[in-house]
Amino acid sequence: MRRSWQAGLGQTSLEALQCHFTWDLDPSRSKLFYLRYHLEDIGTEEGNSWLGHIYNLRGYVQYKLGFTEDAQSLFNKAAEAFCQTRRADEGPWLVVNYGNQAWLHHHLGEQAESQAYLSKVDALMNKYPSPSQDELHPEIYAEKAWTLMKFSADKKLLAADYFQRAIRMQPDMVEWFTSRVIALVSASMHSDTGLDADVLEEMKNAKEEDPENLYLAALYLHECAKKGETVEDEARELARKILMNPVSSYSGLKPLLWVYVHYVSVDEAVDLAEEALKQHPDVCYLKRCVAFCYRSKIIFVRDSPPDQSMIDRAISLHEELISIYPESSLLRKIDIANIYAKSNHSQAKTEQTYQELLESDLDPADKQMVYNRYANYLYFVQHNNHGSTQYHMRAAEIPIQSFFRQNSVSILEKIKDRRWHQMSREVEEFLENLQEP
């Protein structure tokens, strides 16, 4: 039974708290490491309105990874950040943080401290009731929504709904409106039809309300480009602004590089990323941006084959990033395998890398990704139609909904309809018996 926000009679139980420990966040260990690095990339510059939320989620991730001291430190930083950004010593925005603290102390066996934070939660709930009797406080909805955006690709629409509930009760929070739009755009990222007209209109309105948000500006430019608009001049002007701002994964650089790669010039994308890295040579996020551009140039641009020096630079960058992020390097290992295939002296490493990945102990989602990428490699590079089809089937039969499964199923559907294909009948039977996730 749902507990009303105002139900402050008696002591709140740990299970009834609204916090990261009760939101059914149960990712794989590889996903936790990815999240840790992703959150570190966002940046902690002063003025970031999501700073408290960043520290809260980083604390939870560190707890799940077994680093309880780091978790405690980060939860403390989250509380301090909320006080700074909200310019108040207390408020409903601290409810999630206090819930996290109560759970952490409980797991550490420090029951008195845990009980103290439970009491703090009750005090806040009574002092700052939700504007709506049967709903959570908007600050809770906003933090839960922001968290879901980071945790799970398939929960972005739910995140957008939570943001909408928060906005309905507290419409003056511009960053909530912007984040809702970003969630909707992210949910449609792999859609064949693109954004609905009403979402694009919301995006335009959010851009006008939040003109300093260059990440949103880059996403909007991408949507304009997808609709056939000429965006070269706007892209170059936006690049100039981004290079002047603090480095962050939310600076707008990565989505702008997507625009450059697909609609401006992949060579200009490489130059832009290299310029950003030249300004901040020790920032790992920028090294990833440069690696992304080289990967795009080497693997996907067919009209101007890359020279060996560019391939060597790309391989060197990827090898460095794998050593920096060893716990979340799976996708990068796949990328470097495909780059090896373009090299004059490293092609044998492609098959060796894929075989190592295929034989490694991966969780089902990661295994599905490897099968899908290996299937595409077999088709496009080795021209092995039979082997490619078999691995697409192996990817599809893993009952996890993802872009990689969707891609494999789509390819298998096309093979089924090609009656001349030697495996069309086998694929048809496979798809008829395929279990949906």
Protein backbone atom coordinates (compact mmCIF):
# COMPACT_ATOMS: atom_id res chain seq x y z
CA MET A 1 0.00 0.00 0.00
CA ARG A 2 1.33 3.38 -1.01
CA ARG A 3 2.44 5.60 1.82
CA SER A 4 1.18 9.20 1.55
CA TRP A 5 3.87 11.89 1.71
CA GLN A 6 2.12 13.52 4.62
CA ALA A 7 1.86 10.31 6.65
CA GLY A 8 4.33 11.46 9.28
CA LEU A 9 2.77 9.76 12.27
CA GLY A 10 5.14 7.29 13.87
CA GLN A 11 8.64 6.51 12.71
CA THR A 12 9.36 5.94 9.04
CA SER A 13 10.74 2.48 8.29
CA LEU A 14 13.77 1.92 6.10
CA GLU A 15 11.65 0.14 3.50
CA ALA A 16 9.27 3.12 3.25
CA LEU A 17 12.04 5.61 2.48
CA GLN A 18 12.31 7.24 -0.92
CA CYS A 19 15.99 6.87 -1.79
CA HIS A 20 18.42 5.02 -4.02
CA PHE A 21 18.35 1.97 -1.74
CA THR A 22 14.59 1.48 -2.28
CA TRP A 23 14.25 2.36 -5.98
CA ASP A 24 14.94 -1.15 -7.33
CA LEU A 25 18.27 -0.12 -8.85
CA ASP A 26 20.06 -3.41 -9.41
CA PRO A 27 22.60 -3.08 -12.24
CA SER A 28 25.41 -5.45 -13.11
CA ARG A 29 28.87 -4.78 -11.75
CA SER A 30 30.10 -3.66 -15.19
CA LYS A 31 27.20 -1.20 -15.36
CA LEU A 32 28.15 0.14 -11.92
CA PHE A 33 31.69 0.85 -13.08
CA TYR A 34 30.36 2.52 -16.22
CA LEU A 35 28.08 4.66 -14.06
CA ARG A 36 30.92 5.60 -11.74
CA TYR A 37 33.06 6.87 -14.61
CA HIS A 38 30.09 8.55 -16.28
CA LEU A 39 29.17 10.46 -13.13
CA GLU A 40 32.77 11.55 -12.62
CA ASP A 41 32.72 12.94 -16.18
CA ILE A 42 29.75 15.21 -15.50
CA GLY A 43 31.94 17.54 -13.49
CA THR A 44 31.46 19.22 -10.14
CA GLU A 45 31.91 22.86 -11.04
CA GLU A 46 30.19 25.40 -8.84
CA GLY A 47 26.72 26.34 -10.04
CA ASN A 48 25.77 22.88 -11.33
CA SER A 49 22.16 22.56 -10.19
CA TRP A 50 22.42 18.76 -10.17
CA LEU A 51 25.52 18.62 -7.98
CA GLY A 52 23.71 17.17 -4.95
CA HIS A 53 22.04 14.52 -7.11
CA ILE A 54 25.40 13.63 -8.69
CA TYR A 55 27.04 13.07 -5.31
CA ASN A 56 24.03 11.10 -4.04
CA LEU A 57 24.13 8.69 -6.96
CA ARG A 58 27.92 8.44 -6.87
CA GLY A 59 27.66 7.53 -3.19
CA TYR A 60 25.14 4.80 -3.91
CA VAL A 61 27.28 3.39 -6.75
CA GLN A 62 30.35 3.32 -4.51
CA TYR A 63 28.34 1.53 -1.82
CA LYS A 64 27.21 -1.11 -4.34
CA LEU A 65 30.82 -1.57 -5.42
CA GLY A 66 31.85 -2.12 -1.80
CA PHE A 67 33.52 1.22 -1.07
CA THR A 68 31.54 2.24 2.01
CA GLU A 69 33.92 4.97 3.17
CA ASP A 70 33.73 6.63 -0.22
CA ALA A 71 29.95 6.28 -0.10
CA GLN A 72 29.76 8.06 3.26
CA SER A 73 32.00 10.88 2.04
CA LEU A 74 29.96 11.34 -1.12
CA PHE A 75 26.64 11.37 0.75
CA ASN A 76 28.08 14.08 3.00
CA LYS A 77 29.16 16.06 -0.06
CA ALA A 78 25.66 15.66 -1.50
CA ALA A 79 24.11 17.22 1.61
CA GLU A 80 26.58 20.12 1.44
CA ALA A 81 25.94 20.62 -2.27
CA PHE A 82 22.17 20.77 -1.77
CA CYS A 83 22.60 23.43 0.90
CA GLN A 84 24.80 25.47 -1.44
CA THR A 85 22.67 25.18 -4.57
CA ARG A 86 19.37 25.70 -2.71
CA ARG A 87 20.90 28.37 -0.45
CA ALA A 88 19.23 26.86 2.61
CA ASP A 89 20.34 24.62 5.48
CA GLU A 90 17.41 22.27 5.06
CA GLY A 91 14.55 21.44 2.75
CA PRO A 92 12.69 18.58 1.06
CA TRP A 93 15.60 18.08 -1.34
CA LEU A 94 17.46 16.41 1.55
CA VAL A 95 14.93 13.60 2.02
CA VAL A 96 16.63 11.26 -0.48
CA ASN A 97 20.06 12.02 0.95
CA TYR A 98 18.92 11.36 4.53
CA GLY A 99 17.29 8.13 3.35
CA ASN A 100 20.57 7.05 1.76
CA GLN A 101 22.41 7.88 4.99
CA ALA A 102 19.90 5.89 7.06
CA TRP A 103 20.37 2.83 4.87
CA LEU A 104 24.16 3.13 4.78
CA HIS A 105 24.43 3.32 8.59
CA HIS A 106 21.99 0.40 8.85
CA HIS A 107 24.19 -1.75 6.61
CA LEU A 108 27.23 -0.72 8.62
CA GLY A 109 25.51 -1.88 11.82
CA GLU A 110 25.28 1.65 13.19
CA GLN A 111 21.63 1.53 14.20
CA ALA A 112 21.62 4.67 16.36
CA GLU A 113 22.92 6.78 13.47
CA SER A 114 20.45 5.10 11.12
CA GLN A 115 17.57 5.89 13.47
CA ALA A 116 18.72 9.51 13.72
CA TYR A 117 18.46 9.92 9.94
CA LEU A 118 15.04 8.26 9.94
CA SER A 119 13.93 10.90 12.43
CA LYS A 120 15.35 13.63 10.20
CA VAL A 121 13.33 12.28 7.28
CA ASP A 122 10.14 12.35 9.34
CA ALA A 123 10.86 15.91 10.44
CA LEU A 124 11.34 17.06 6.84
CA MET A 125 8.21 15.26 5.65
CA ASN A 126 6.12 17.01 8.28
CA LYS A 127 7.71 20.44 7.79
CA TYR A 128 7.65 20.38 3.98
CA PRO A 129 4.53 18.51 2.85
CA SER A 130 3.95 17.75 -0.80
CA PRO A 131 1.62 20.15 -2.63
CA SER A 132 -0.37 17.09 -3.70
CA GLN A 133 -1.87 14.84 -1.01
CA ASP A 134 -1.38 11.54 -2.85
CA GLU A 135 1.96 12.18 -4.53
CA LEU A 136 5.59 12.44 -3.56
CA HIS A 137 7.17 15.82 -3.07
CA PRO A 138 8.30 17.29 -6.43
CA GLU A 139 11.93 17.31 -5.23
CA ILE A 140 11.68 13.53 -4.75
CA TYR A 141 10.15 12.99 -8.18
CA ALA A 142 12.88 15.11 -9.77
CA GLU A 143 15.74 13.23 -8.13
CA LYS A 144 14.16 9.85 -8.86
CA ALA A 145 13.69 10.88 -12.49
CA TRP A 146 17.25 12.11 -12.81
CA THR A 147 18.53 8.86 -11.32
CA LEU A 148 16.48 6.66 -13.67
CA MET A 149 17.87 8.60 -16.64
CA LYS A 150 21.37 7.54 -15.65
CA PHE A 151 20.58 3.99 -14.61
CA SER A 152 18.49 2.50 -17.33
CA ALA A 153 17.87 3.28 -20.99
CA ASP A 154 14.46 1.61 -20.88
CA LYS A 155 13.28 3.78 -17.98
CA LYS A 156 13.76 7.17 -19.63
CA LEU A 157 10.05 7.51 -20.43
CA LEU A 158 9.24 6.79 -16.78
CA ALA A 159 11.81 9.41 -15.84
CA ALA A 160 10.08 11.91 -18.14
CA ASP A 161 6.78 11.12 -16.42
CA TYR A 162 8.28 11.73 -12.97
CA PHE A 163 9.74 15.03 -14.17
CA GLN A 164 6.31 15.99 -15.47
CA ARG A 165 4.73 15.28 -12.09
CA ALA A 166 7.37 17.39 -10.39
CA ILE A 167 6.90 20.25 -12.87
CA ARG A 168 3.13 20.18 -12.43
CA MET A 169 3.55 20.87 -8.70
CA GLN A 170 6.60 23.15 -8.95
CA PRO A 171 6.71 24.73 -12.43
CA ASP A 172 9.49 27.26 -11.76
CA MET A 173 12.38 24.74 -11.93
CA VAL A 174 13.79 25.28 -15.42
CA GLU A 175 16.33 22.45 -15.09
CA TRP A 176 13.52 19.95 -14.49
CA PHE A 177 11.82 20.97 -17.71
CA THR A 178 15.11 20.73 -19.61
CA SER A 179 15.91 17.31 -18.14
CA ARG A 180 12.44 16.00 -19.00
CA VAL A 181 13.02 16.96 -22.63
CA ILE A 182 16.48 15.35 -22.62
CA ALA A 183 14.91 12.14 -21.25
CA LEU A 184 12.32 12.12 -24.05
CA VAL A 185 14.99 12.74 -26.69
CA SER A 186 17.19 9.97 -25.26
CA ALA A 187 14.25 7.54 -25.27
CA SER A 188 13.78 8.20 -29.00
CA MET A 189 17.48 8.02 -29.87
CA HIS A 190 17.25 4.71 -31.73
CA SER A 191 13.76 5.29 -33.11
CA ASP A 192 13.37 4.99 -36.89
CA THR A 193 10.77 7.76 -36.91
CA GLY A 194 12.67 10.22 -34.75
CA LEU A 195 11.05 12.68 -32.41
CA ASP A 196 7.32 13.34 -32.41
CA ALA A 197 6.33 16.87 -33.40
CA ASP A 198 5.10 17.69 -29.89
CA VAL A 199 8.41 16.56 -28.32
CA LEU A 200 10.35 18.67 -30.83
CA GLU A 201 8.17 21.63 -29.88
CA GLU A 202 8.87 20.99 -26.19
CA MET A 203 12.54 20.82 -27.03
CA LYS A 204 12.37 24.19 -28.78
CA ASN A 205 10.58 25.74 -25.80
CA ALA A 206 13.11 24.28 -23.35
CA LYS A 207 15.96 25.69 -25.42
CA GLU A 208 14.39 29.16 -25.21
CA GLU A 209 13.82 28.83 -21.45
CA ASP A 210 17.32 27.46 -20.80
CA PRO A 211 19.54 29.24 -23.36
CA GLU A 212 22.78 28.56 -21.49
CA ASN A 213 22.31 24.78 -21.68
CA LEU A 214 24.65 23.92 -24.54
CA TYR A 215 24.00 20.19 -24.18
CA LEU A 216 20.34 20.79 -25.02
CA ALA A 217 21.36 23.14 -27.83
CA ALA A 218 23.51 20.39 -29.36
CA LEU A 219 20.69 17.85 -29.12
CA TYR A 220 18.30 20.31 -30.78
CA LEU A 221 20.78 20.96 -33.57
CA HIS A 222 21.03 17.20 -34.13
CA GLU A 223 17.25 16.95 -34.51
CA CYS A 224 17.22 19.86 -36.96
CA ALA A 225 19.96 18.16 -39.00
CA LYS A 226 18.03 14.87 -39.05
CA LYS A 227 15.09 16.76 -40.57
CA GLY A 228 17.27 17.99 -43.41
CA GLU A 229 18.13 21.48 -42.20
CA THR A 230 21.55 22.94 -42.93
CA VAL A 231 23.35 23.29 -39.62
CA GLU A 232 27.04 23.83 -40.44
CA ASP A 233 27.20 27.48 -39.34
CA GLU A 234 25.23 26.86 -36.12
CA ALA A 235 27.41 23.84 -35.33
CA ARG A 236 30.64 25.81 -35.66
CA GLU A 237 29.28 28.65 -33.51
CA LEU A 238 28.14 26.17 -30.86
CA ALA A 239 31.56 24.51 -30.92
CA ARG A 240 33.19 27.87 -30.18
CA LYS A 241 30.93 28.36 -27.13
CA ILE A 242 31.50 24.83 -25.84
CA LEU A 243 35.29 25.16 -26.00
CA MET A 244 35.05 28.26 -23.81
CA ASN A 245 33.08 26.48 -21.06
CA PRO A 246 34.28 24.12 -18.28
CA VAL A 247 34.85 20.52 -19.35
CA SER A 248 31.93 18.22 -18.57
CA SER A 249 30.07 15.38 -20.24
CA TYR A 250 27.12 17.80 -20.19
CA SER A 251 29.05 20.58 -21.91
CA GLY A 252 27.40 19.55 -25.18
CA LEU A 253 30.60 18.39 -26.90
CA LYS A 254 29.64 14.73 -27.40
CA PRO A 255 26.20 15.36 -29.01
CA LEU A 256 27.76 18.14 -31.12
CA LEU A 257 30.42 15.70 -32.35
CA TRP A 258 27.54 13.44 -33.46
CA VAL A 259 26.27 16.37 -35.53
CA TYR A 260 29.71 16.94 -37.03
CA VAL A 261 30.26 13.27 -37.83
CA HIS A 262 26.90 12.75 -39.54
CA TYR A 263 25.98 16.15 -40.99
CA VAL A 264 29.02 18.46 -41.17
CA SER A 265 32.41 16.76 -41.58
CA VAL A 266 34.02 13.86 -39.78
CA ASP A 267 37.42 15.48 -40.34
CA GLU A 268 36.18 18.64 -38.62
CA ALA A 269 34.86 16.46 -35.81
CA VAL A 270 38.35 15.00 -35.31
CA ASP A 271 39.87 18.50 -35.34
CA LEU A 272 37.30 19.82 -32.82
CA ALA A 273 37.83 16.93 -30.41
CA GLU A 274 41.60 17.18 -30.71
CA GLU A 275 41.42 20.93 -30.02
CA ALA A 276 39.39 20.31 -26.86
CA LEU A 277 41.90 17.69 -25.72
CA LYS A 278 44.80 20.03 -26.50
CA GLN A 279 43.26 22.57 -24.11
CA HIS A 280 42.77 19.92 -21.39
CA PRO A 281 45.26 17.10 -22.14
CA ASP A 282 44.63 15.14 -18.94
CA VAL A 283 40.82 14.90 -19.15
CA CYS A 284 39.83 11.31 -19.85
CA TYR A 285 36.35 12.29 -21.07
CA LEU A 286 37.93 14.30 -23.89
CA LYS A 287 40.18 11.38 -24.77
CA ARG A 288 37.00 9.33 -25.20
CA CYS A 289 35.55 12.03 -27.45
CA VAL A 290 38.65 11.98 -29.64
CA ALA A 291 38.58 8.17 -29.76
CA PHE A 292 34.92 8.30 -30.83
CA CYS A 293 35.75 10.61 -33.73
CA TYR A 294 38.65 8.48 -34.96
CA ARG A 295 36.50 5.37 -34.68
CA SER A 296 33.79 7.05 -36.77
CA LYS A 297 36.30 8.15 -39.39
CA ILE A 298 38.08 4.79 -39.62
CA ILE A 299 35.17 2.35 -39.44
CA PHE A 300 32.26 4.15 -41.10
CA VAL A 301 33.64 6.61 -43.67
CA ARG A 302 34.22 4.65 -46.87
CA ASP A 303 34.95 7.36 -49.44
CA SER A 304 38.30 8.41 -47.91
CA PRO A 305 40.22 5.48 -46.38
CA PRO A 306 42.24 6.50 -43.30
CA ASP A 307 46.02 6.45 -43.45
CA GLN A 308 48.05 4.23 -41.13
CA SER A 309 49.10 7.13 -38.89
CA MET A 310 45.45 7.89 -38.10
CA ILE A 311 44.79 4.21 -37.38
CA ASP A 312 47.83 4.08 -35.10
CA ARG A 313 46.60 7.19 -33.23
CA ALA A 314 43.16 5.60 -32.79
CA ILE A 315 44.61 2.31 -31.56
CA SER A 316 46.89 4.12 -29.11
CA LEU A 317 43.96 6.12 -27.71
CA HIS A 318 41.76 3.06 -27.33
CA GLU A 319 44.52 1.09 -25.62
CA GLU A 320 45.08 3.98 -23.21
CA LEU A 321 41.36 4.20 -22.41
CA ILE A 322 41.12 0.44 -21.84
CA SER A 323 43.93 0.74 -19.28
CA ILE A 324 42.20 3.72 -17.61
CA TYR A 325 38.77 2.08 -17.50
CA PRO A 326 39.54 -1.66 -17.24
CA GLU A 327 36.24 -2.55 -15.53
CA SER A 328 34.06 -0.95 -18.22
CA SER A 329 36.12 -1.48 -21.36
CA LEU A 330 33.99 -4.04 -23.21
CA LEU A 331 32.60 -1.70 -25.84
CA ARG A 332 36.01 -0.12 -26.32
CA LYS A 333 37.57 -3.56 -26.88
CA ILE A 334 34.98 -4.19 -29.58
CA ASP A 335 35.79 -0.84 -31.17
CA ILE A 336 39.52 -1.47 -31.15
CA ALA A 337 38.95 -4.90 -32.71
CA ASN A 338 37.15 -3.23 -35.62
CA ILE A 339 39.92 -0.63 -35.92
CA TYR A 340 42.52 -3.42 -36.03
CA ALA A 341 40.65 -4.74 -39.08
CA LYS A 342 41.49 -1.54 -40.97
CA SER A 343 45.19 -1.63 -40.09
CA ASN A 344 47.95 -2.80 -42.38
CA HIS A 345 49.69 -4.75 -39.62
CA SER A 346 47.11 -5.58 -36.93
CA GLN A 347 44.28 -7.37 -38.76
CA ALA A 348 44.94 -10.69 -37.02
CA LYS A 349 44.27 -8.97 -33.70
CA THR A 350 40.64 -8.43 -34.71
CA GLU A 351 39.71 -12.11 -34.62
CA GLN A 352 41.91 -12.68 -31.57
CA THR A 353 40.14 -9.87 -29.65
CA TYR A 354 36.68 -11.09 -30.59
CA GLN A 355 37.50 -14.67 -29.64
CA GLU A 356 38.77 -13.52 -26.24
CA LEU A 357 35.52 -11.61 -25.69
CA LEU A 358 33.36 -14.53 -26.85
CA GLU A 359 35.12 -16.86 -24.43
CA SER A 360 35.08 -14.45 -21.47
CA ASP A 361 32.65 -14.61 -18.56
CA LEU A 362 30.11 -11.89 -19.38
CA ASP A 363 26.67 -11.14 -18.05
CA PRO A 364 23.80 -11.76 -20.53
CA ALA A 365 23.45 -8.11 -21.62
CA ASP A 366 27.15 -7.81 -22.41
CA LYS A 367 27.20 -11.19 -24.13
CA GLN A 368 24.28 -10.06 -26.28
CA MET A 369 26.22 -6.96 -27.35
CA VAL A 370 29.31 -9.01 -28.23
CA TYR A 371 27.25 -11.47 -30.32
CA ASN A 372 25.60 -8.62 -32.22
CA ARG A 373 28.84 -6.76 -32.92
CA TYR A 374 30.66 -9.96 -33.90
CA ALA A 375 27.81 -10.87 -36.25
CA ASN A 376 28.13 -7.51 -38.00
CA TYR A 377 31.90 -7.90 -38.20
CA LEU A 378 31.54 -11.34 -39.79
CA TYR A 379 29.14 -9.94 -42.39
CA PHE A 380 30.77 -6.64 -43.31
CA VAL A 381 34.46 -7.54 -42.95
CA GLN A 382 34.72 -11.32 -43.33
CA HIS A 383 31.73 -11.62 -45.70
CA ASN A 384 30.70 -14.71 -43.74
CA ASN A 385 26.91 -14.67 -44.15
CA HIS A 386 26.31 -18.01 -42.46
CA GLY A 387 28.39 -17.22 -39.37
CA SER A 388 26.93 -13.73 -39.14
CA THR A 389 23.38 -15.07 -39.18
CA GLN A 390 24.16 -17.61 -36.47
CA TYR A 391 25.54 -14.94 -34.14
CA HIS A 392 22.58 -12.63 -34.79
CA MET A 393 20.36 -15.53 -33.70
CA ARG A 394 22.45 -16.00 -30.55
CA ALA A 395 22.10 -12.29 -29.75
CA ALA A 396 18.35 -12.31 -30.36
CA GLU A 397 17.64 -15.34 -28.19
CA ILE A 398 18.99 -13.60 -25.08
CA PRO A 399 15.72 -12.24 -23.59
CA ILE A 400 16.95 -8.72 -22.81
CA GLN A 401 15.48 -5.77 -24.68
CA SER A 402 18.25 -3.56 -26.03
CA PHE A 403 19.44 -1.77 -29.13
CA PHE A 404 21.68 -4.75 -29.95
CA ARG A 405 18.85 -7.27 -29.77
CA GLN A 406 16.64 -4.97 -31.82
CA ASN A 407 19.35 -4.67 -34.45
CA SER A 408 19.86 -8.45 -34.65
CA VAL A 409 16.13 -9.16 -34.87
CA SER A 410 15.72 -6.54 -37.61
CA ILE A 411 18.52 -8.14 -39.65
CA LEU A 412 17.04 -11.61 -39.13
CA GLU A 413 13.64 -10.37 -40.34
CA LYS A 414 15.27 -9.24 -43.58
CA ILE A 415 17.05 -12.60 -43.99
CA LYS A 416 13.74 -14.41 -43.45
CA ASP A 417 12.21 -12.53 -46.38
CA ARG A 418 15.11 -13.32 -48.72
CA ARG A 419 14.00 -16.69 -50.03
CA TRP A 420 17.28 -17.10 -51.89
CA HIS A 421 19.20 -16.95 -48.62
CA GLN A 422 20.41 -20.43 -47.59
CA MET A 423 19.24 -19.86 -43.99
CA SER A 424 15.93 -18.09 -44.65
CA ARG A 425 13.78 -21.07 -43.62
CA GLU A 426 15.84 -21.73 -40.48
CA VAL A 427 15.64 -18.05 -39.53
CA GLU A 428 11.89 -18.01 -40.12
CA GLU A 429 11.40 -20.95 -37.72
CA PHE A 430 13.75 -19.30 -35.22
CA LEU A 431 11.76 -16.04 -35.24
CA GLU A 432 8.45 -17.90 -34.91
CA ASN A 433 9.70 -19.51 -31.69
CA LEU A 434 11.58 -16.48 -30.37
CA GLN A 435 10.53 -15.51 -26.86
CA GLU A 436 9.96 -11.81 -26.23
CA PRO A 437 11.69 -10.30 -23.18
